Amino acid sequence: MIYMKKKLYYSIGEVSKMLDIEPHTLRYWESGIPQLKPRSANVRNRRFDEKDISLLKRIKHLIYDEKYTLEGARMAIAEGSKADKQREPKDIELKGIIKQLEEIKEILIKR
């Protein structure tokens, strides 16, 4: 995997090099996984952001390492999205608790 300078958007060629995946494979995955929606200035120029790249890494892992089919990867990602939405309120609550604990820690350190 090649690391590139951080940018807002990456071209399909840059993402292809970054993930070591052919551009035609990325386009195929885009057609089969509805959550993958790179922006496009026009029909020919896809622009992938960090969220898209993160999703592509997950898809690559599912297909290449876990041996999922594209359909299986799509279903796993859809299930993951549902689980993330259910977990979201708990995460917010935990972040609040962590912040409170850090404030208490700071008070105790000052004593």
PDB file of N, CA and C in Angstrom:
ATOM      1  N   MET A   1       0.851  -1.165   0.000  1.00  0.00           N
ATOM      2  CA  MET A   1       0.000   0.000   0.000  1.00  0.00           C
ATOM      3  C   MET A   1       0.904   1.237   0.000  1.00  0.00           C
ATOM      4  N   ILE A   2       0.614   2.177  -0.852  1.00  0.00           N
ATOM      5  CA  ILE A   2       1.399   3.402  -0.976  1.00  0.00           C
ATOM      6  C   ILE A   2       0.702   4.506  -0.188  1.00  0.00           C
ATOM      7  N   TYR A   3       1.478   5.262   0.585  1.00  0.00           N
ATOM      8  CA  TYR A   3       0.913   6.381   1.339  1.00  0.00           C
ATOM      9  C   TYR A   3       1.180   7.661   0.580  1.00  0.00           C
ATOM     10  N   MET A   4       0.160   8.507   0.500  1.00  0.00           N
ATOM     11  CA  MET A   4       0.263   9.758  -0.241  1.00  0.00           C
ATOM     12  C   MET A   4       0.014  10.920   0.704  1.00  0.00           C
ATOM     13  N   LYS A   5       0.403  12.090   0.250  1.00  0.00           N
ATOM     14  CA  LYS A   5       0.142  13.311   1.011  1.00  0.00           C
ATOM     15  C   LYS A   5      -1.363  13.447   1.223  1.00  0.00           C
ATOM     16  N   LYS A   6      -1.749  13.845   2.439  1.00  0.00           N
ATOM     17  CA  LYS A   6      -3.165  13.971   2.759  1.00  0.00           C
ATOM     18  C   LYS A   6      -3.804  15.101   1.957  1.00  0.00           C
ATOM     19  N   LYS A   7      -4.934  14.775   1.314  1.00  0.00           N
ATOM     20  CA  LYS A   7      -5.681  15.745   0.518  1.00  0.00           C
ATOM     21  C   LYS A   7      -7.157  15.574   0.833  1.00  0.00           C
ATOM     22  N   LEU A   8      -7.970  16.516   0.382  1.00  0.00           N
ATOM     23  CA  LEU A   8      -9.417  16.378   0.559  1.00  0.00           C
ATOM     24  C   LEU A   8      -9.977  15.284  -0.339  1.00  0.00           C
ATOM     25  N   TYR A   9      -9.525  15.261  -1.590  1.00  0.00           N
ATOM     26  CA  TYR A   9     -10.021  14.294  -2.552  1.00  0.00           C
ATOM     27  C   TYR A   9      -8.866  13.674  -3.322  1.00  0.00           C
ATOM     28  N   TYR A  10      -9.059  12.412  -3.702  1.00  0.00           N
ATOM     29  CA  TYR A  10      -8.060  11.685  -4.473  1.00  0.00           C
ATOM     30  C   TYR A  10      -8.708  11.179  -5.754  1.00  0.00           C
ATOM     31  N   SER A  11      -7.932  11.134  -6.824  1.00  0.00           N
ATOM     32  CA  SER A  11      -8.438  10.603  -8.089  1.00  0.00           C
ATOM     33  C   SER A  11      -8.475   9.082  -8.019  1.00  0.00           C
ATOM     34  N   ILE A  12      -9.155   8.474  -8.955  1.00  0.00           N
ATOM     35  CA  ILE A  12      -9.239   7.017  -8.978  1.00  0.00           C
ATOM     36  C   ILE A  12      -7.839   6.403  -9.187  1.00  0.00           C
ATOM     37  N   GLY A  13      -6.988   7.074  -9.945  1.00  0.00           N
ATOM     38  CA  GLY A  13      -5.625   6.589 -10.145  1.00  0.00           C
ATOM     39  C   GLY A  13      -4.815   6.614  -8.859  1.00  0.00           C
ATOM     40  N   GLU A  14      -4.971   7.699  -8.080  1.00  0.00           N
ATOM     41  CA  GLU A  14      -4.261   7.798  -6.802  1.00  0.00           C
ATOM     42  C   GLU A  14      -4.734   6.736  -5.819  1.00  0.00           C
ATOM     43  N   VAL A  15      -6.047   6.535  -5.756  1.00  0.00           N
ATOM     44  CA  VAL A  15      -6.609   5.526  -4.853  1.00  0.00           C
ATOM     45  C   VAL A  15      -6.174   4.138  -5.303  1.00  0.00           C
ATOM     46  N   SER A  16      -6.139   3.920  -6.594  1.00  0.00           N
ATOM     47  CA  SER A  16      -5.697   2.649  -7.144  1.00  0.00           C
ATOM     48  C   SER A  16      -4.273   2.317  -6.685  1.00  0.00           C
ATOM     49  N   LYS A  17      -3.386   3.288  -6.778  1.00  0.00           N
ATOM     50  CA  LYS A  17      -2.000   3.087  -6.336  1.00  0.00           C
ATOM     51  C   LYS A  17      -1.923   2.914  -4.825  1.00  0.00           C
ATOM     52  N   MET A  18      -2.703   3.727  -4.102  1.00  0.00           N
ATOM     53  CA  MET A  18      -2.690   3.699  -2.650  1.00  0.00           C
ATOM     54  C   MET A  18      -3.086   2.319  -2.115  1.00  0.00           C
ATOM     55  N   LEU A  19      -4.103   1.714  -2.721  1.00  0.00           N
ATOM     56  CA  LEU A  19      -4.636   0.443  -2.243  1.00  0.00           C
ATOM     57  C   LEU A  19      -4.129  -0.763  -3.021  1.00  0.00           C
ATOM     58  N   ASP A  20      -3.345  -0.504  -4.065  1.00  0.00           N
ATOM     59  CA  ASP A  20      -2.829  -1.567  -4.926  1.00  0.00           C
ATOM     60  C   ASP A  20      -3.971  -2.389  -5.533  1.00  0.00           C
ATOM     61  N   ILE A  21      -4.928  -1.656  -6.098  1.00  0.00           N
ATOM     62  CA  ILE A  21      -6.096  -2.253  -6.746  1.00  0.00           C
ATOM     63  C   ILE A  21      -6.265  -1.554  -8.092  1.00  0.00           C
ATOM     64  N   GLU A  22      -6.558  -2.302  -9.122  1.00  0.00           N
ATOM     65  CA  GLU A  22      -6.748  -1.722 -10.455  1.00  0.00           C
ATOM     66  C   GLU A  22      -7.976  -0.794 -10.485  1.00  0.00           C
ATOM     67  N   PRO A  23      -7.907   0.298 -11.268  1.00  0.00           N
ATOM     68  CA  PRO A  23      -9.045   1.221 -11.349  1.00  0.00           C
ATOM     69  C   PRO A  23     -10.347   0.547 -11.786  1.00  0.00           C
ATOM     70  N   HIS A  24     -10.254  -0.421 -12.707  1.00  0.00           N
ATOM     71  CA  HIS A  24     -11.490  -1.084 -13.163  1.00  0.00           C
ATOM     72  C   HIS A  24     -12.144  -1.854 -12.021  1.00  0.00           C
ATOM     73  N   THR A  25     -11.334  -2.364 -11.086  1.00  0.00           N
ATOM     74  CA  THR A  25     -11.872  -3.074  -9.921  1.00  0.00           C
ATOM     75  C   THR A  25     -12.593  -2.088  -8.999  1.00  0.00           C
ATOM     76  N   LEU A  26     -12.014  -0.915  -8.813  1.00  0.00           N
ATOM     77  CA  LEU A  26     -12.670   0.107  -7.993  1.00  0.00           C
ATOM     78  C   LEU A  26     -14.010   0.516  -8.595  1.00  0.00           C
ATOM     79  N   ARG A  27     -14.041   0.664  -9.928  1.00  0.00           N
ATOM     80  CA  ARG A  27     -15.302   1.027 -10.595  1.00  0.00           C
ATOM     81  C   ARG A  27     -16.337  -0.088 -10.437  1.00  0.00           C
ATOM     82  N   TYR A  28     -15.882  -1.340 -10.511  1.00  0.00           N
ATOM     83  CA  TYR A  28     -16.778  -2.481 -10.338  1.00  0.00           C
ATOM     84  C   TYR A  28     -17.344  -2.497  -8.915  1.00  0.00           C
ATOM     85  N   TRP A  29     -16.486  -2.293  -7.937  1.00  0.00           N
ATOM     86  CA  TRP A  29     -16.959  -2.253  -6.550  1.00  0.00           C
ATOM     87  C   TRP A  29     -17.952  -1.121  -6.352  1.00  0.00           C
ATOM     88  N   GLU A  30     -17.697   0.005  -6.987  1.00  0.00           N
ATOM     89  CA  GLU A  30     -18.605   1.153  -6.890  1.00  0.00           C
ATOM     90  C   GLU A  30     -19.993   0.786  -7.415  1.00  0.00           C
ATOM     91  N   SER A  31     -20.025  -0.001  -8.487  1.00  0.00           N
ATOM     92  CA  SER A  31     -21.313  -0.385  -9.072  1.00  0.00           C
ATOM     93  C   SER A  31     -22.062  -1.391  -8.200  1.00  0.00           C
ATOM     94  N   GLY A  32     -21.338  -2.157  -7.361  1.00  0.00           N
ATOM     95  CA  GLY A  32     -21.977  -3.208  -6.570  1.00  0.00           C
ATOM     96  C   GLY A  32     -22.235  -2.853  -5.123  1.00  0.00           C
ATOM     97  N   ILE A  33     -21.673  -1.760  -4.641  1.00  0.00           N
ATOM     98  CA  ILE A  33     -21.821  -1.405  -3.231  1.00  0.00           C
ATOM     99  C   ILE A  33     -22.390   0.012  -3.136  1.00  0.00           C
ATOM    100  N   PRO A  34     -23.666   0.138  -2.784  1.00  0.00           N
ATOM    101  CA  PRO A  34     -24.326   1.446  -2.791  1.00  0.00           C
ATOM    102  C   PRO A  34     -23.730   2.457  -1.808  1.00  0.00           C
ATOM    103  N   GLN A  35     -23.100   1.983  -0.729  1.00  0.00           N
ATOM    104  CA  GLN A  35     -22.512   2.919   0.236  1.00  0.00           C
ATOM    105  C   GLN A  35     -21.296   3.643  -0.322  1.00  0.00           C
ATOM    106  N   LEU A  36     -20.701   3.100  -1.366  1.00  0.00           N
ATOM    107  CA  LEU A  36     -19.519   3.704  -1.984  1.00  0.00           C
ATOM    108  C   LEU A  36     -19.979   4.680  -3.060  1.00  0.00           C
ATOM    109  N   LYS A  37     -19.890   5.966  -2.736  1.00  0.00           N
ATOM    110  CA  LYS A  37     -20.373   6.998  -3.660  1.00  0.00           C
ATOM    111  C   LYS A  37     -19.342   8.111  -3.768  1.00  0.00           C
ATOM    112  N   PRO A  38     -18.304   7.924  -4.572  1.00  0.00           N
ATOM    113  CA  PRO A  38     -17.335   9.015  -4.718  1.00  0.00           C
ATOM    114  C   PRO A  38     -17.979  10.203  -5.423  1.00  0.00           C
ATOM    115  N   ARG A  39     -17.521  11.385  -5.086  1.00  0.00           N
ATOM    116  CA  ARG A  39     -18.025  12.586  -5.748  1.00  0.00           C
ATOM    117  C   ARG A  39     -17.485  12.619  -7.170  1.00  0.00           C
ATOM    118  N   SER A  40     -18.182  13.325  -8.024  1.00  0.00           N
ATOM    119  CA  SER A  40     -17.651  13.476  -9.374  1.00  0.00           C
ATOM    120  C   SER A  40     -17.995  14.861  -9.905  1.00  0.00           C
ATOM    121  N   ALA A  41     -16.966  15.537 -10.397  1.00  0.00           N
ATOM    122  CA  ALA A  41     -17.168  16.846 -11.008  1.00  0.00           C
ATOM    123  C   ALA A  41     -17.927  16.666 -12.316  1.00  0.00           C
ATOM    124  N   ASN A  42     -17.627  15.609 -12.991  1.00  0.00           N
ATOM    125  CA  ASN A  42     -18.365  15.216 -14.186  1.00  0.00           C
ATOM    126  C   ASN A  42     -18.350  13.690 -14.238  1.00  0.00           C
ATOM    127  N   VAL A  43     -18.906  13.115 -15.256  1.00  0.00           N
ATOM    128  CA  VAL A  43     -19.038  11.662 -15.336  1.00  0.00           C
ATOM    129  C   VAL A  43     -17.678  10.964 -15.344  1.00  0.00           C
ATOM    130  N   ARG A  44     -16.662  11.606 -15.869  1.00  0.00           N
ATOM    131  CA  ARG A  44     -15.370  10.951 -16.045  1.00  0.00           C
ATOM    132  C   ARG A  44     -14.426  11.062 -14.852  1.00  0.00           C
ATOM    133  N   ASN A  45     -14.646  12.015 -13.964  1.00  0.00           N
ATOM    134  CA  ASN A  45     -13.690  12.252 -12.881  1.00  0.00           C
ATOM    135  C   ASN A  45     -14.273  11.932 -11.513  1.00  0.00           C
ATOM    136  N   ARG A  46     -13.929  10.766 -10.990  1.00  0.00           N
ATOM    137  CA  ARG A  46     -14.351  10.410  -9.640  1.00  0.00           C
ATOM    138  C   ARG A  46     -13.373  11.027  -8.648  1.00  0.00           C
ATOM    139  N   ARG A  47     -13.890  11.477  -7.523  1.00  0.00           N
ATOM    140  CA  ARG A  47     -13.065  12.021  -6.450  1.00  0.00           C
ATOM    141  C   ARG A  47     -13.407  11.288  -5.158  1.00  0.00           C
ATOM    142  N   PHE A  48     -12.437  10.599  -4.602  1.00  0.00           N
ATOM    143  CA  PHE A  48     -12.627   9.810  -3.389  1.00  0.00           C
ATOM    144  C   PHE A  48     -12.123  10.595  -2.193  1.00  0.00           C
ATOM    145  N   ASP A  49     -12.933  10.653  -1.121  1.00  0.00           N
ATOM    146  CA  ASP A  49     -12.476  11.297   0.100  1.00  0.00           C
ATOM    147  C   ASP A  49     -12.009  10.229   1.092  1.00  0.00           C
ATOM    148  N   GLU A  50     -11.603  10.644   2.282  1.00  0.00           N
ATOM    149  CA  GLU A  50     -11.077   9.701   3.281  1.00  0.00           C
ATOM    150  C   GLU A  50     -12.119   8.651   3.660  1.00  0.00           C
ATOM    151  N   LYS A  51     -13.382   9.050   3.736  1.00  0.00           N
ATOM    152  CA  LYS A  51     -14.455   8.112   4.068  1.00  0.00           C
ATOM    153  C   LYS A  51     -14.563   7.020   2.996  1.00  0.00           C
ATOM    154  N   ASP A  52     -14.483   7.424   1.729  1.00  0.00           N
ATOM    155  CA  ASP A  52     -14.534   6.455   0.630  1.00  0.00           C
ATOM    156  C   ASP A  52     -13.337   5.504   0.696  1.00  0.00           C
ATOM    157  N   ILE A  53     -12.163   6.049   0.977  1.00  0.00           N
ATOM    158  CA  ILE A  53     -10.950   5.230   1.024  1.00  0.00           C
ATOM    159  C   ILE A  53     -11.028   4.238   2.179  1.00  0.00           C
ATOM    160  N   SER A  54     -11.547   4.680   3.306  1.00  0.00           N
ATOM    161  CA  SER A  54     -11.726   3.785   4.441  1.00  0.00           C
ATOM    162  C   SER A  54     -12.676   2.639   4.079  1.00  0.00           C
ATOM    163  N   LEU A  55     -13.759   2.968   3.396  1.00  0.00           N
ATOM    164  CA  LEU A  55     -14.716   1.946   2.956  1.00  0.00           C
ATOM    165  C   LEU A  55     -14.060   1.001   1.954  1.00  0.00           C
ATOM    166  N   LEU A  56     -13.261   1.536   1.048  1.00  0.00           N
ATOM    167  CA  LEU A  56     -12.565   0.686   0.071  1.00  0.00           C
ATOM    168  C   LEU A  56     -11.590  -0.266   0.758  1.00  0.00           C
ATOM    169  N   LYS A  57     -10.927   0.197   1.807  1.00  0.00           N
ATOM    170  CA  LYS A  57     -10.018  -0.685   2.556  1.00  0.00           C
ATOM    171  C   LYS A  57     -10.801  -1.822   3.192  1.00  0.00           C
ATOM    172  N   ARG A  58     -11.981  -1.488   3.715  1.00  0.00           N
ATOM    173  CA  ARG A  58     -12.828  -2.533   4.317  1.00  0.00           C
ATOM    174  C   ARG A  58     -13.292  -3.522   3.261  1.00  0.00           C
ATOM    175  N   ILE A  59     -13.701  -3.024   2.112  1.00  0.00           N
ATOM    176  CA  ILE A  59     -14.140  -3.895   1.016  1.00  0.00           C
ATOM    177  C   ILE A  59     -12.981  -4.796   0.582  1.00  0.00           C
ATOM    178  N   LYS A  60     -11.812  -4.212   0.432  1.00  0.00           N
ATOM    179  CA  LYS A  60     -10.632  -4.996   0.024  1.00  0.00           C
ATOM    180  C   LYS A  60     -10.359  -6.105   1.033  1.00  0.00           C
ATOM    181  N   HIS A  61     -10.423  -5.771   2.308  1.00  0.00           N
ATOM    182  CA  HIS A  61     -10.197  -6.782   3.349  1.00  0.00           C
ATOM    183  C   HIS A  61     -11.233  -7.907   3.251  1.00  0.00           C
ATOM    184  N   LEU A  62     -12.497  -7.518   3.112  1.00  0.00           N
ATOM    185  CA  LEU A  62     -13.554  -8.535   3.041  1.00  0.00           C
ATOM    186  C   LEU A  62     -13.389  -9.446   1.830  1.00  0.00           C
ATOM    187  N   ILE A  63     -13.065  -8.863   0.686  1.00  0.00           N
ATOM    188  CA  ILE A  63     -12.988  -9.649  -0.545  1.00  0.00           C
ATOM    189  C   ILE A  63     -11.683 -10.442  -0.630  1.00  0.00           C
ATOM    190  N   TYR A  64     -10.559  -9.800  -0.363  1.00  0.00           N
ATOM    191  CA  TYR A  64      -9.270 -10.469  -0.544  1.00  0.00           C
ATOM    192  C   TYR A  64      -8.856 -11.327   0.653  1.00  0.00           C
ATOM    193  N   ASP A  65      -9.070 -10.833   1.856  1.00  0.00           N
ATOM    194  CA  ASP A  65      -8.611 -11.563   3.040  1.00  0.00           C
ATOM    195  C   ASP A  65      -9.661 -12.528   3.584  1.00  0.00           C
ATOM    196  N   GLU A  66     -10.903 -12.057   3.671  1.00  0.00           N
ATOM    197  CA  GLU A  66     -11.977 -12.881   4.220  1.00  0.00           C
ATOM    198  C   GLU A  66     -12.666 -13.743   3.156  1.00  0.00           C
ATOM    199  N   LYS A  67     -12.318 -13.529   1.891  1.00  0.00           N
ATOM    200  CA  LYS A  67     -12.840 -14.316   0.751  1.00  0.00           C
ATOM    201  C   LYS A  67     -14.348 -14.155   0.538  1.00  0.00           C
ATOM    202  N   TYR A  68     -14.861 -12.954   0.822  1.00  0.00           N
ATOM    203  CA  TYR A  68     -16.268 -12.663   0.536  1.00  0.00           C
ATOM    204  C   TYR A  68     -16.438 -12.427  -0.960  1.00  0.00           C
ATOM    205  N   THR A  69     -17.649 -12.633  -1.449  1.00  0.00           N
ATOM    206  CA  THR A  69     -17.998 -12.189  -2.797  1.00  0.00           C
ATOM    207  C   THR A  69     -18.363 -10.713  -2.687  1.00  0.00           C
ATOM    208  N   LEU A  70     -18.541 -10.040  -3.811  1.00  0.00           N
ATOM    209  CA  LEU A  70     -18.949  -8.638  -3.768  1.00  0.00           C
ATOM    210  C   LEU A  70     -20.303  -8.504  -3.081  1.00  0.00           C
ATOM    211  N   GLU A  71     -21.213  -9.410  -3.368  1.00  0.00           N
ATOM    212  CA  GLU A  71     -22.531  -9.392  -2.737  1.00  0.00           C
ATOM    213  C   GLU A  71     -22.408  -9.617  -1.227  1.00  0.00           C
ATOM    214  N   GLY A  72     -21.567 -10.542  -0.831  1.00  0.00           N
ATOM    215  CA  GLY A  72     -21.348 -10.799   0.589  1.00  0.00           C
ATOM    216  C   GLY A  72     -20.740  -9.590   1.290  1.00  0.00           C
ATOM    217  N   ALA A  73     -19.791  -8.933   0.631  1.00  0.00           N
ATOM    218  CA  ALA A  73     -19.170  -7.732   1.189  1.00  0.00           C
ATOM    219  C   ALA A  73     -20.210  -6.617   1.323  1.00  0.00           C
ATOM    220  N   ARG A  74     -21.075  -6.481   0.309  1.00  0.00           N
ATOM    221  CA  ARG A  74     -22.125  -5.469   0.356  1.00  0.00           C
ATOM    222  C   ARG A  74     -23.037  -5.704   1.562  1.00  0.00           C
ATOM    223  N   MET A  75     -23.414  -6.960   1.780  1.00  0.00           N
ATOM    224  CA  MET A  75     -24.296  -7.289   2.903  1.00  0.00           C
ATOM    225  C   MET A  75     -23.590  -7.058   4.239  1.00  0.00           C
ATOM    226  N   ALA A  76     -22.307  -7.425   4.331  1.00  0.00           N
ATOM    227  CA  ALA A  76     -21.550  -7.229   5.572  1.00  0.00           C
ATOM    228  C   ALA A  76     -21.426  -5.742   5.892  1.00  0.00           C
ATOM    229  N   ILE A  77     -21.201  -4.939   4.875  1.00  0.00           N
ATOM    230  CA  ILE A  77     -21.082  -3.494   5.078  1.00  0.00           C
ATOM    231  C   ILE A  77     -22.426  -2.903   5.482  1.00  0.00           C
ATOM    232  N   ALA A  78     -23.503  -3.378   4.863  1.00  0.00           N
ATOM    233  CA  ALA A  78     -24.839  -2.899   5.222  1.00  0.00           C
ATOM    234  C   ALA A  78     -25.153  -3.251   6.675  1.00  0.00           C
ATOM    235  N   GLU A  79     -24.814  -4.461   7.100  1.00  0.00           N
ATOM    236  CA  GLU A  79     -25.036  -4.879   8.485  1.00  0.00           C
ATOM    237  C   GLU A  79     -24.179  -4.039   9.425  1.00  0.00           C
ATOM    238  N   GLY A  80     -22.950  -3.763   9.020  1.00  0.00           N
ATOM    239  CA  GLY A  80     -22.057  -2.936   9.826  1.00  0.00           C
ATOM    240  C   GLY A  80     -22.605  -1.537  10.001  1.00  0.00           C
ATOM    241  N   SER A  81     -23.211  -0.992   8.956  1.00  0.00           N
ATOM    242  CA  SER A  81     -23.797   0.350   9.027  1.00  0.00           C
ATOM    243  C   SER A  81     -24.941   0.380  10.023  1.00  0.00           C
ATOM    244  N   LYS A  82     -25.764  -0.668  10.025  1.00  0.00           N
ATOM    245  CA  LYS A  82     -26.877  -0.740  10.977  1.00  0.00           C
ATOM    246  C   LYS A  82     -26.341  -0.816  12.399  1.00  0.00           C
ATOM    247  N   ALA A  83     -25.316  -1.629  12.603  1.00  0.00           N
ATOM    248  CA  ALA A  83     -24.729  -1.780  13.936  1.00  0.00           C
ATOM    249  C   ALA A  83     -24.103  -0.467  14.401  1.00  0.00           C
ATOM    250  N   ASP A  84     -23.455   0.252  13.476  1.00  0.00           N
ATOM    251  CA  ASP A  84     -22.850   1.538  13.820  1.00  0.00           C
ATOM    252  C   ASP A  84     -23.915   2.524  14.276  1.00  0.00           C
ATOM    253  N   LYS A  85     -25.056   2.541  13.601  1.00  0.00           N
ATOM    254  CA  LYS A  85     -26.130   3.463  13.957  1.00  0.00           C
ATOM    255  C   LYS A  85     -26.698   3.127  15.334  1.00  0.00           C
ATOM    256  N   GLN A  86     -26.776   1.832  15.659  1.00  0.00           N
ATOM    257  CA  GLN A  86     -27.281   1.432  16.964  1.00  0.00           C
ATOM    258  C   GLN A  86     -26.274   1.766  18.058  1.00  0.00           C
ATOM    259  N   ARG A  87     -24.990   1.700  17.733  1.00  0.00           N
ATOM    260  CA  ARG A  87     -23.928   1.922  18.698  1.00  0.00           C
ATOM    261  C   ARG A  87     -23.684   3.419  18.927  1.00  0.00           C
ATOM    262  N   GLU A  88     -24.071   4.265  17.984  1.00  0.00           N
ATOM    263  CA  GLU A  88     -23.779   5.697  18.021  1.00  0.00           C
ATOM    264  C   GLU A  88     -24.202   6.379  19.321  1.00  0.00           C
ATOM    265  N   PRO A  89     -25.446   6.218  19.817  1.00  0.00           N
ATOM    266  CA  PRO A  89     -25.827   6.892  21.059  1.00  0.00           C
ATOM    267  C   PRO A  89     -24.954   6.469  22.241  1.00  0.00           C
ATOM    268  N   LYS A  90     -24.597   5.192  22.304  1.00  0.00           N
ATOM    269  CA  LYS A  90     -23.738   4.706  23.374  1.00  0.00           C
ATOM    270  C   LYS A  90     -22.360   5.337  23.290  1.00  0.00           C
ATOM    271  N   ASP A  91     -21.836   5.498  22.081  1.00  0.00           N
ATOM    272  CA  ASP A  91     -20.533   6.118  21.897  1.00  0.00           C
ATOM    273  C   ASP A  91     -20.541   7.556  22.397  1.00  0.00           C
ATOM    274  N   ILE A  92     -21.609   8.285  22.102  1.00  0.00           N
ATOM    275  CA  ILE A  92     -21.724   9.670  22.542  1.00  0.00           C
ATOM    276  C   ILE A  92     -21.768   9.724  24.066  1.00  0.00           C
ATOM    277  N   GLU A  93     -22.530   8.807  24.661  1.00  0.00           N
ATOM    278  CA  GLU A  93     -22.632   8.752  26.116  1.00  0.00           C
ATOM    279  C   GLU A  93     -21.271   8.421  26.739  1.00  0.00           C
ATOM    280  N   LEU A  94     -20.559   7.469  26.157  1.00  0.00           N
ATOM    281  CA  LEU A  94     -19.242   7.097  26.664  1.00  0.00           C
ATOM    282  C   LEU A  94     -18.243   8.245  26.548  1.00  0.00           C
ATOM    283  N   LYS A  95     -18.305   8.998  25.463  1.00  0.00           N
ATOM    284  CA  LYS A  95     -17.410  10.145  25.296  1.00  0.00           C
ATOM    285  C   LYS A  95     -17.648  11.178  26.389  1.00  0.00           C
ATOM    286  N   GLY A  96     -18.903  11.371  26.755  1.00  0.00           N
ATOM    287  CA  GLY A  96     -19.231  12.297  27.833  1.00  0.00           C
ATOM    288  C   GLY A  96     -18.677  11.819  29.167  1.00  0.00           C
ATOM    289  N   ILE A  97     -18.800  10.523  29.413  1.00  0.00           N
ATOM    290  CA  ILE A  97     -18.278   9.944  30.659  1.00  0.00           C
ATOM    291  C   ILE A  97     -16.753  10.070  30.697  1.00  0.00           C
ATOM    292  N   ILE A  98     -16.110   9.794  29.583  1.00  0.00           N
ATOM    293  CA  ILE A  98     -14.652   9.899  29.507  1.00  0.00           C
ATOM    294  C   ILE A  98     -14.215  11.335  29.786  1.00  0.00           C
ATOM    295  N   LYS A  99     -14.922  12.287  29.211  1.00  0.00           N
ATOM    296  CA  LYS A  99     -14.581  13.700  29.434  1.00  0.00           C
ATOM    297  C   LYS A  99     -14.714  14.059  30.909  1.00  0.00           C
ATOM    298  N   GLN A 100     -15.786  13.600  31.547  1.00  0.00           N
ATOM    299  CA  GLN A 100     -15.983  13.867  32.969  1.00  0.00           C
ATOM    300  C   GLN A 100     -14.869  13.236  33.804  1.00  0.00           C
ATOM    301  N   LEU A 101     -14.477  12.017  33.475  1.00  0.00           N
ATOM    302  CA  LEU A 101     -13.403  11.345  34.206  1.00  0.00           C
ATOM    303  C   LEU A 101     -12.074  12.080  34.041  1.00  0.00           C
ATOM    304  N   GLU A 102     -11.831  12.590  32.844  1.00  0.00           N
ATOM    305  CA  GLU A 102     -10.596  13.347  32.616  1.00  0.00           C
ATOM    306  C   GLU A 102     -10.594  14.634  33.432  1.00  0.00           C
ATOM    307  N   GLU A 103     -11.757  15.282  33.539  1.00  0.00           N
ATOM    308  CA  GLU A 103     -11.854  16.492  34.358  1.00  0.00           C
ATOM    309  C   GLU A 103     -11.599  16.171  35.831  1.00  0.00           C
ATOM    310  N   ILE A 104     -12.154  15.066  36.306  1.00  0.00           N
ATOM    311  CA  ILE A 104     -11.932  14.641  37.694  1.00  0.00           C
ATOM    312  C   ILE A 104     -10.452  14.334  37.912  1.00  0.00           C
ATOM    313  N   LYS A 105      -9.838  13.681  36.959  1.00  0.00           N
ATOM    314  CA  LYS A 105      -8.415  13.348  37.051  1.00  0.00           C
ATOM    315  C   LYS A 105      -7.586  14.631  37.177  1.00  0.00           C
ATOM    316  N   GLU A 106      -7.906  15.645  36.362  1.00  0.00           N
ATOM    317  CA  GLU A 106      -7.183  16.917  36.408  1.00  0.00           C
ATOM    318  C   GLU A 106      -7.337  17.575  37.778  1.00  0.00           C
ATOM    319  N   ILE A 107      -8.547  17.518  38.344  1.00  0.00           N
ATOM    320  CA  ILE A 107      -8.784  18.103  39.670  1.00  0.00           C
ATOM    321  C   ILE A 107      -7.949  17.380  40.714  1.00  0.00           C
ATOM    322  N   LEU A 108      -7.921  16.053  40.648  1.00  0.00           N
ATOM    323  CA  LEU A 108      -7.161  15.267  41.621  1.00  0.00           C
ATOM    324  C   LEU A 108      -5.649  15.499  41.459  1.00  0.00           C
ATOM    325  N   ILE A 109      -5.185  15.680  40.267  1.00  0.00           N
ATOM    326  CA  ILE A 109      -3.753  15.925  40.035  1.00  0.00           C
ATOM    327  C   ILE A 109      -3.344  17.265  40.626  1.00  0.00           C
ATOM    328  N   LYS A 110      -4.207  18.258  40.551  1.00  0.00           N
ATOM    329  CA  LYS A 110      -3.913  19.593  41.071  1.00  0.00           C
ATOM    330  C   LYS A 110      -3.848  19.621  42.597  1.00  0.00           C
ATOM    331  N   ARG A 111      -4.461  18.654  43.273  1.00  0.00           N
ATOM    332  CA  ARG A 111      -4.490  18.642  44.752  1.00  0.00           C
ATOM    333  C   ARG A 111      -3.195  18.193  45.301  1.00  0.00           C
TER     334      ARG A 111
END
